[in-house]
Amino acid sequence: MKYDMTARVYGLVFRRILGSYYKKHVPEMSASKRRAVFRRIQEEYKAMLERTPGVGSKENSLEDDLIGACWFFALAKADPDMSPERMEDVIAAGIQSNFMQKSHRKERENGTLFSDEVQDKKLQEAERSRHSKYEMDWKFTYEKGEDEFYCTYTECGICKLAQREHMENWLPCLCRMDYGTYDMVGAELIRTKTLAAGDDCCNFHVIRKKG
């Protein structure tokens, strides 16, 4: 993948979230140490992106997920004091931040996730995934619905990235992030299996929240 504008924006947003977390929850970390961690994250993030094959760029919305995973794996490598538990706290704090909540308010209020436009694109991506030429791509099926949908992944790009980067222990953090991100856009995720846990699939059942 390329360190392009999308990757730069993701990096800036996540850095803002992490900086706020450090200041609030790790007050003993000096400003100079924060800067050093940010510098190492940036170096590792850029390098990881450039050594990770893409999955179709703008044709595939899941490439954004792969970019995000690169940043969080870079964080795990860059901060020697980071742990899976702390990373989960960072993610939760970021999702609940005013910045992220305001950024996704319209999606939440309009039910964008359940619109024909979004769901029809997901159907197209699911069909295309069956014959994808990209080694890091997801493979999945999608069932459209008015107030709910089902998305079943049998291959996961983030799991493949974790294997390449020897970051399997950090996968559960990113899996659990799904619950918060769906909640942020007005939906509830029900899931009983994940590929990261050794199951045969990730079975997403997503329901529109009422009220």
C-alpha atoms as a PDB file:
ATOM      1  CA  MET A   1       0.000   0.000   0.000  1.00  0.00           C
ATOM      2  CA  LYS A   2       1.003   3.623  -0.271  1.00  0.00           C
ATOM      3  CA  TYR A   3       1.455   6.255   2.395  1.00  0.00           C
ATOM      4  CA  ASP A   4      -1.132   8.380   0.623  1.00  0.00           C
ATOM      5  CA  MET A   5      -3.583  11.053   1.734  1.00  0.00           C
ATOM      6  CA  THR A   6      -5.967   8.519   3.296  1.00  0.00           C
ATOM      7  CA  ALA A   7      -3.142   6.974   5.316  1.00  0.00           C
ATOM      8  CA  ARG A   8      -1.925  10.414   6.392  1.00  0.00           C
ATOM      9  CA  VAL A   9      -5.405  11.433   7.597  1.00  0.00           C
ATOM     10  CA  TYR A  10      -5.799   8.188   9.525  1.00  0.00           C
ATOM     11  CA  GLY A  11      -2.421   8.737  11.131  1.00  0.00           C
ATOM     12  CA  LEU A  12      -3.300  12.276  12.193  1.00  0.00           C
ATOM     13  CA  VAL A  13      -6.679  11.240  13.653  1.00  0.00           C
ATOM     14  CA  PHE A  14      -5.225   8.314  15.592  1.00  0.00           C
ATOM     15  CA  ARG A  15      -2.320  10.405  16.823  1.00  0.00           C
ATOM     16  CA  ARG A  16      -4.785  12.977  18.169  1.00  0.00           C
ATOM     17  CA  ILE A  17      -6.718  10.244  19.982  1.00  0.00           C
ATOM     18  CA  LEU A  18      -3.557   8.692  21.407  1.00  0.00           C
ATOM     19  CA  GLY A  19      -2.173  12.060  22.507  1.00  0.00           C
ATOM     20  CA  SER A  20      -5.349  12.823  24.438  1.00  0.00           C
ATOM     21  CA  TYR A  21      -5.242   9.378  26.034  1.00  0.00           C
ATOM     22  CA  TYR A  22      -1.621   9.741  27.141  1.00  0.00           C
ATOM     23  CA  LYS A  23      -2.236  13.153  28.697  1.00  0.00           C
ATOM     24  CA  LYS A  24      -5.317  11.995  30.595  1.00  0.00           C
ATOM     25  CA  HIS A  25      -4.417   8.437  31.575  1.00  0.00           C
ATOM     26  CA  VAL A  26      -0.606   8.380  31.524  1.00  0.00           C
ATOM     27  CA  PRO A  27       0.259  11.773  33.054  1.00  0.00           C
ATOM     28  CA  GLU A  28       3.692  10.545  34.110  1.00  0.00           C
ATOM     29  CA  MET A  29       4.735  10.271  30.453  1.00  0.00           C
ATOM     30  CA  SER A  30       6.828  13.309  29.605  1.00  0.00           C
ATOM     31  CA  ALA A  31       6.251  15.392  26.497  1.00  0.00           C
ATOM     32  CA  SER A  32       9.622  14.308  25.119  1.00  0.00           C
ATOM     33  CA  LYS A  33       8.739  10.632  25.555  1.00  0.00           C
ATOM     34  CA  ARG A  34       5.390  11.174  23.830  1.00  0.00           C
ATOM     35  CA  ARG A  35       7.144  12.804  20.905  1.00  0.00           C
ATOM     36  CA  ALA A  36       9.589   9.905  20.702  1.00  0.00           C
ATOM     37  CA  VAL A  37       6.742   7.377  20.678  1.00  0.00           C
ATOM     38  CA  PHE A  38       4.875   9.351  18.008  1.00  0.00           C
ATOM     39  CA  ARG A  39       8.030   9.463  15.892  1.00  0.00           C
ATOM     40  CA  ARG A  40       8.531   5.691  16.180  1.00  0.00           C
ATOM     41  CA  ILE A  41       4.859   5.064  15.370  1.00  0.00           C
ATOM     42  CA  GLN A  42       5.123   7.209  12.263  1.00  0.00           C
ATOM     43  CA  GLU A  43       8.258   5.412  11.078  1.00  0.00           C
ATOM     44  CA  GLU A  44       6.804   1.945  11.680  1.00  0.00           C
ATOM     45  CA  TYR A  45       3.392   2.875  10.265  1.00  0.00           C
ATOM     46  CA  LYS A  46       4.845   4.159   7.001  1.00  0.00           C
ATOM     47  CA  ALA A  47       7.151   1.163   6.663  1.00  0.00           C
ATOM     48  CA  MET A  48       4.366  -1.323   7.417  1.00  0.00           C
ATOM     49  CA  LEU A  49       2.033   0.287   4.903  1.00  0.00           C
ATOM     50  CA  GLU A  50       4.664   0.147   2.200  1.00  0.00           C
ATOM     51  CA  ARG A  51       5.458  -3.531   2.798  1.00  0.00           C
ATOM     52  CA  THR A  52       1.783  -4.568   2.971  1.00  0.00           C
ATOM     53  CA  PRO A  53       0.037  -5.431  -0.310  1.00  0.00           C
ATOM     54  CA  GLY A  54      -3.182  -3.517  -0.885  1.00  0.00           C
ATOM     55  CA  VAL A  55      -6.625  -4.944  -1.601  1.00  0.00           C
ATOM     56  CA  GLY A  56      -7.869  -2.697  -4.373  1.00  0.00           C
ATOM     57  CA  SER A  57      -7.668   0.832  -2.982  1.00  0.00           C
ATOM     58  CA  LYS A  58     -10.876   2.802  -3.646  1.00  0.00           C
ATOM     59  CA  GLU A  59     -12.577  -0.244  -5.164  1.00  0.00           C
ATOM     60  CA  ASN A  60     -12.531  -1.954  -1.767  1.00  0.00           C
ATOM     61  CA  SER A  61     -13.761  -0.165   1.364  1.00  0.00           C
ATOM     62  CA  LEU A  62     -11.977  -2.748   3.529  1.00  0.00           C
ATOM     63  CA  GLU A  63      -8.598  -1.319   2.552  1.00  0.00           C
ATOM     64  CA  ASP A  64      -9.321   1.458   5.070  1.00  0.00           C
ATOM     65  CA  ASP A  65      -9.548  -1.223   7.779  1.00  0.00           C
ATOM     66  CA  LEU A  66      -6.174  -2.590   6.727  1.00  0.00           C
ATOM     67  CA  ILE A  67      -4.663   0.897   6.925  1.00  0.00           C
ATOM     68  CA  GLY A  68      -6.090   1.372  10.416  1.00  0.00           C
ATOM     69  CA  ALA A  69      -4.736  -1.997  11.544  1.00  0.00           C
ATOM     70  CA  CYS A  70      -1.267  -0.978  10.334  1.00  0.00           C
ATOM     71  CA  TRP A  71      -1.405   2.064  12.598  1.00  0.00           C
ATOM     72  CA  PHE A  72      -2.445   0.127  15.693  1.00  0.00           C
ATOM     73  CA  PHE A  73       0.151  -2.583  15.097  1.00  0.00           C
ATOM     74  CA  ALA A  74       2.717   0.201  14.647  1.00  0.00           C
ATOM     75  CA  LEU A  75       1.627   1.613  18.016  1.00  0.00           C
ATOM     76  CA  ALA A  76       2.133  -1.788  19.648  1.00  0.00           C
ATOM     77  CA  LYS A  77       5.649  -1.967  18.225  1.00  0.00           C
ATOM     78  CA  ALA A  78       6.561   1.643  18.976  1.00  0.00           C
ATOM     79  CA  ASP A  79       5.479   2.023  22.618  1.00  0.00           C
ATOM     80  CA  PRO A  80       7.351  -0.402  24.916  1.00  0.00           C
ATOM     81  CA  ASP A  81       4.785   0.215  27.665  1.00  0.00           C
ATOM     82  CA  MET A  82       1.795  -0.592  25.486  1.00  0.00           C
ATOM     83  CA  SER A  83      -0.184  -3.719  26.355  1.00  0.00           C
ATOM     84  CA  PRO A  84      -3.285  -5.273  24.773  1.00  0.00           C
ATOM     85  CA  GLU A  85      -5.313  -4.052  27.748  1.00  0.00           C
ATOM     86  CA  ARG A  86      -4.054  -0.498  27.376  1.00  0.00           C
ATOM     87  CA  MET A  87      -4.656  -0.559  23.647  1.00  0.00           C
ATOM     88  CA  GLU A  88      -8.268  -1.534  24.275  1.00  0.00           C
ATOM     89  CA  ASP A  89      -8.537   1.468  26.592  1.00  0.00           C
ATOM     90  CA  VAL A  90      -7.031   3.732  23.915  1.00  0.00           C
ATOM     91  CA  ILE A  91      -9.533   2.446  21.349  1.00  0.00           C
ATOM     92  CA  ALA A  92     -12.508   2.795  23.706  1.00  0.00           C
ATOM     93  CA  ALA A  93     -11.486   6.320  24.707  1.00  0.00           C
ATOM     94  CA  GLY A  94     -11.104   7.273  21.064  1.00  0.00           C
ATOM     95  CA  ILE A  95     -14.522   5.954  20.071  1.00  0.00           C
ATOM     96  CA  GLN A  96     -16.181   7.780  22.967  1.00  0.00           C
ATOM     97  CA  SER A  97     -14.323  11.042  22.325  1.00  0.00           C
ATOM     98  CA  ASN A  98     -16.325  14.093  21.280  1.00  0.00           C
ATOM     99  CA  PHE A  99     -14.286  14.275  18.099  1.00  0.00           C
ATOM    100  CA  MET A 100     -15.236  10.780  16.923  1.00  0.00           C
ATOM    101  CA  GLN A 101     -18.844  10.995  18.093  1.00  0.00           C
ATOM    102  CA  LYS A 102     -19.381  14.303  16.287  1.00  0.00           C
ATOM    103  CA  SER A 103     -17.630  13.014  13.168  1.00  0.00           C
ATOM    104  CA  HIS A 104     -20.103  10.135  12.884  1.00  0.00           C
ATOM    105  CA  ARG A 105     -23.242  11.896  14.112  1.00  0.00           C
ATOM    106  CA  LYS A 106     -24.892  12.148  10.684  1.00  0.00           C
ATOM    107  CA  GLU A 107     -24.236   8.480   9.949  1.00  0.00           C
ATOM    108  CA  ARG A 108     -25.810   7.613  13.288  1.00  0.00           C
ATOM    109  CA  GLU A 109     -28.839   9.878  12.840  1.00  0.00           C
ATOM    110  CA  ASN A 110     -29.455   8.964   9.192  1.00  0.00           C
ATOM    111  CA  GLY A 111     -28.883   5.226   9.536  1.00  0.00           C
ATOM    112  CA  THR A 112     -26.376   5.423   6.694  1.00  0.00           C
ATOM    113  CA  LEU A 113     -25.067   1.919   7.372  1.00  0.00           C
ATOM    114  CA  PHE A 114     -28.462   0.476   6.403  1.00  0.00           C
ATOM    115  CA  SER A 115     -28.992   2.595   3.283  1.00  0.00           C
ATOM    116  CA  ASP A 116     -29.393   0.960  -0.121  1.00  0.00           C
ATOM    117  CA  GLU A 117     -26.281   2.734  -1.359  1.00  0.00           C
ATOM    118  CA  VAL A 118     -24.028   1.345   1.371  1.00  0.00           C
ATOM    119  CA  GLN A 119     -25.559  -2.126   1.419  1.00  0.00           C
ATOM    120  CA  ASP A 120     -25.585  -2.527  -2.362  1.00  0.00           C
ATOM    121  CA  LYS A 121     -21.904  -1.610  -2.449  1.00  0.00           C
ATOM    122  CA  LYS A 122     -21.255  -4.227   0.232  1.00  0.00           C
ATOM    123  CA  LEU A 123     -23.100  -6.829  -1.843  1.00  0.00           C
ATOM    124  CA  GLN A 124     -20.880  -5.992  -4.816  1.00  0.00           C
ATOM    125  CA  GLU A 125     -17.751  -6.218  -2.679  1.00  0.00           C
ATOM    126  CA  ALA A 126     -18.854  -9.583  -1.278  1.00  0.00           C
ATOM    127  CA  GLU A 127     -19.367 -10.980  -4.766  1.00  0.00           C
ATOM    128  CA  ARG A 128     -16.024  -9.600  -5.920  1.00  0.00           C
ATOM    129  CA  SER A 129     -14.270 -11.061  -2.859  1.00  0.00           C
ATOM    130  CA  ARG A 130     -15.051 -14.598  -4.075  1.00  0.00           C
ATOM    131  CA  HIS A 131     -12.565 -14.155  -6.912  1.00  0.00           C
ATOM    132  CA  SER A 132     -10.241 -11.519  -5.459  1.00  0.00           C
ATOM    133  CA  LYS A 133      -6.726 -11.400  -6.863  1.00  0.00           C
ATOM    134  CA  TYR A 134      -5.383  -9.654  -3.746  1.00  0.00           C
ATOM    135  CA  GLU A 135      -3.601 -11.899  -1.248  1.00  0.00           C
ATOM    136  CA  MET A 136      -4.492  -9.707   1.745  1.00  0.00           C
ATOM    137  CA  ASP A 137      -8.175  -9.452   0.896  1.00  0.00           C
ATOM    138  CA  TRP A 138     -11.191 -10.530   2.921  1.00  0.00           C
ATOM    139  CA  LYS A 139     -13.582 -13.200   1.638  1.00  0.00           C
ATOM    140  CA  PHE A 140     -17.172 -12.857   2.771  1.00  0.00           C
ATOM    141  CA  THR A 141     -20.872 -13.160   2.072  1.00  0.00           C
ATOM    142  CA  TYR A 142     -23.417 -10.433   2.734  1.00  0.00           C
ATOM    143  CA  GLU A 143     -27.177 -10.561   3.348  1.00  0.00           C
ATOM    144  CA  LYS A 144     -28.965  -7.243   3.003  1.00  0.00           C
ATOM    145  CA  GLY A 145     -31.855  -6.156   5.208  1.00  0.00           C
ATOM    146  CA  GLU A 146     -33.876  -3.085   6.148  1.00  0.00           C
ATOM    147  CA  ASP A 147     -33.001  -2.997   9.848  1.00  0.00           C
ATOM    148  CA  GLU A 148     -30.335  -5.676  10.015  1.00  0.00           C
ATOM    149  CA  PHE A 149     -27.743  -7.387   7.890  1.00  0.00           C
ATOM    150  CA  TYR A 150     -25.485 -10.411   8.055  1.00  0.00           C
ATOM    151  CA  CYS A 151     -21.851 -10.387   6.995  1.00  0.00           C
ATOM    152  CA  THR A 152     -19.848 -13.613   7.283  1.00  0.00           C
ATOM    153  CA  TYR A 153     -16.087 -13.466   6.755  1.00  0.00           C
ATOM    154  CA  THR A 154     -14.134 -16.638   6.010  1.00  0.00           C
ATOM    155  CA  GLU A 155     -10.860 -14.788   5.390  1.00  0.00           C
ATOM    156  CA  CYS A 156      -9.693 -11.576   7.077  1.00  0.00           C
ATOM    157  CA  GLY A 157      -7.089  -9.121   5.862  1.00  0.00           C
ATOM    158  CA  ILE A 158      -6.282  -7.960   9.389  1.00  0.00           C
ATOM    159  CA  CYS A 159      -5.644 -11.553  10.499  1.00  0.00           C
ATOM    160  CA  LYS A 160      -3.319 -11.966   7.519  1.00  0.00           C
ATOM    161  CA  LEU A 161      -1.529  -8.738   8.429  1.00  0.00           C
ATOM    162  CA  ALA A 162      -1.132  -9.892  12.040  1.00  0.00           C
ATOM    163  CA  GLN A 163       0.479 -13.113  10.846  1.00  0.00           C
ATOM    164  CA  ARG A 164       2.876 -11.246   8.559  1.00  0.00           C
ATOM    165  CA  GLU A 165       3.861  -8.854  11.344  1.00  0.00           C
ATOM    166  CA  HIS A 166       3.817 -11.455  14.176  1.00  0.00           C
ATOM    167  CA  MET A 167       1.134  -9.456  15.994  1.00  0.00           C
ATOM    168  CA  GLU A 168      -1.421 -12.207  16.631  1.00  0.00           C
ATOM    169  CA  ASN A 169      -1.612 -11.372  20.352  1.00  0.00           C
ATOM    170  CA  TRP A 170      -2.993  -7.941  19.467  1.00  0.00           C
ATOM    171  CA  LEU A 171      -5.780  -9.162  17.201  1.00  0.00           C
ATOM    172  CA  PRO A 172      -8.464  -9.405  19.937  1.00  0.00           C
ATOM    173  CA  CYS A 173      -8.088  -5.650  20.564  1.00  0.00           C
ATOM    174  CA  LEU A 174      -9.030  -4.885  16.986  1.00  0.00           C
ATOM    175  CA  CYS A 175     -11.797  -7.502  16.948  1.00  0.00           C
ATOM    176  CA  ARG A 176     -13.426  -5.934  20.002  1.00  0.00           C
ATOM    177  CA  MET A 177     -13.176  -2.496  18.415  1.00  0.00           C
ATOM    178  CA  ASP A 178     -15.942  -3.580  16.031  1.00  0.00           C
ATOM    179  CA  TYR A 179     -18.538  -3.354  18.806  1.00  0.00           C
ATOM    180  CA  GLY A 180     -17.706   0.271  19.555  1.00  0.00           C
ATOM    181  CA  THR A 181     -17.482   1.376  15.945  1.00  0.00           C
ATOM    182  CA  TYR A 182     -20.884  -0.087  15.099  1.00  0.00           C
ATOM    183  CA  ASP A 183     -22.395   1.513  18.193  1.00  0.00           C
ATOM    184  CA  MET A 184     -20.932   4.850  17.089  1.00  0.00           C
ATOM    185  CA  VAL A 185     -22.926   4.726  13.842  1.00  0.00           C
ATOM    186  CA  GLY A 186     -26.194   3.628  15.443  1.00  0.00           C
ATOM    187  CA  ALA A 187     -25.961  -0.149  15.226  1.00  0.00           C
ATOM    188  CA  GLU A 188     -25.481  -3.149  17.478  1.00  0.00           C
ATOM    189  CA  LEU A 189     -23.116  -5.985  16.602  1.00  0.00           C
ATOM    190  CA  ILE A 190     -23.962  -9.559  17.569  1.00  0.00           C
ATOM    191  CA  ARG A 191     -21.081 -11.963  16.937  1.00  0.00           C
ATOM    192  CA  THR A 192     -20.327 -15.396  18.339  1.00  0.00           C
ATOM    193  CA  LYS A 193     -17.278 -16.417  16.297  1.00  0.00           C
ATOM    194  CA  THR A 194     -14.050 -14.819  15.068  1.00  0.00           C
ATOM    195  CA  LEU A 195     -11.256 -16.044  12.841  1.00  0.00           C
ATOM    196  CA  ALA A 196      -8.785 -14.544  15.302  1.00  0.00           C
ATOM    197  CA  ALA A 197     -10.051 -16.959  17.972  1.00  0.00           C
ATOM    198  CA  GLY A 198      -9.572 -19.918  15.647  1.00  0.00           C
ATOM    199  CA  ASP A 199     -13.189 -20.209  14.521  1.00  0.00           C
ATOM    200  CA  ASP A 200     -14.182 -20.979  10.945  1.00  0.00           C
ATOM    201  CA  CYS A 201     -15.557 -17.478  10.347  1.00  0.00           C
ATOM    202  CA  CYS A 202     -16.414 -14.078  11.776  1.00  0.00           C
ATOM    203  CA  ASN A 203     -20.208 -14.012  11.868  1.00  0.00           C
ATOM    204  CA  PHE A 204     -21.446 -10.425  11.954  1.00  0.00           C
ATOM    205  CA  HIS A 205     -25.135  -9.845  12.638  1.00  0.00           C
ATOM    206  CA  VAL A 206     -25.684  -6.089  12.737  1.00  0.00           C
ATOM    207  CA  ILE A 207     -28.959  -4.569  13.931  1.00  0.00           C
ATOM    208  CA  ARG A 208     -30.180  -0.993  13.625  1.00  0.00           C
ATOM    209  CA  LYS A 209     -30.504   0.650  17.045  1.00  0.00           C
ATOM    210  CA  LYS A 210     -33.890   2.126  17.838  1.00  0.00           C
ATOM    211  CA  GLY A 211     -34.405   5.649  19.159  1.00  0.00           C
END
